[in-house]
Amino acid sequence: MRKKIMMTVLSTVTLLIAVSFTSCGKSAKHTKETTTAVKTEKTTKETKKKEKIEIKILSKYDQIKKLLSKYPKEMTSKEASDQEIVVIENESFDKASKKIWDQFLKDVKDQKDCAIVICQYTVEGDPILQYVSNVDGKFYYVEDSTRDAYGSEKYVQYTYDYYKIYKQDGHYTAILTTNNKLTFDEAQDVRSLKTAIQLLDIKE
């Protein structure tokens, strides 16, 4: 009788241990699957964030807006620079941005179709993007303020005939304009964006 009881106890203990191990196995597998899913999601987000967006040479405003919408809603100056965007911070740009800007001006001078994206930040740190393309001698401009929490206008778009560079009072100022004879003072006092718009104002 005692032998029979012992056998029953041993069978029960063995069964409990087996169930316990099976449960642990499932739990470990579930945890591993969950961790893998989280890692995959994180990697996907990081990949999307770091994905290089080609700055295409466009002249249609809807296509330009579509291109600009591909950039993240939140974008640091480092992330913008990694996208080969000209970044303006504290009225200056770094060497990489300067190189991109100079190449753009050279292409314009050589009458090559080209495009550039400029990023400037609001006081609150929200990025404002400016797209400029030069196609067949015309400048196509779109300002994207969709990332500005306090901005009223989301997009501004115009076509210009000329670009002008002014070096005055320790500043390097670049504008797009429809008036090739616009003086520096007149450029500072322009009331209509249809006449001229400032691209950048850098301390020299």
Foldseek 3Di string as FASTA:
>chain_A
DVVVVVVVVVVVVVVVVVVVVVVVVVVVVVVVVVVVVVVVVVVVVVCLLLPAQDQDQDQDPVVNVVSVVSHDLAADPVSCVSNLAQEADPQATDPSNVVSVVVQVVCVVVVHWDKHKYWYADPVGGTKIWIWIQDNQKIWIKIACVSPPPDDDGIDIEIARDKDWDCPPQKTWIKGANDPPQDPVNQVVDDDVRGMDTDGIHGD
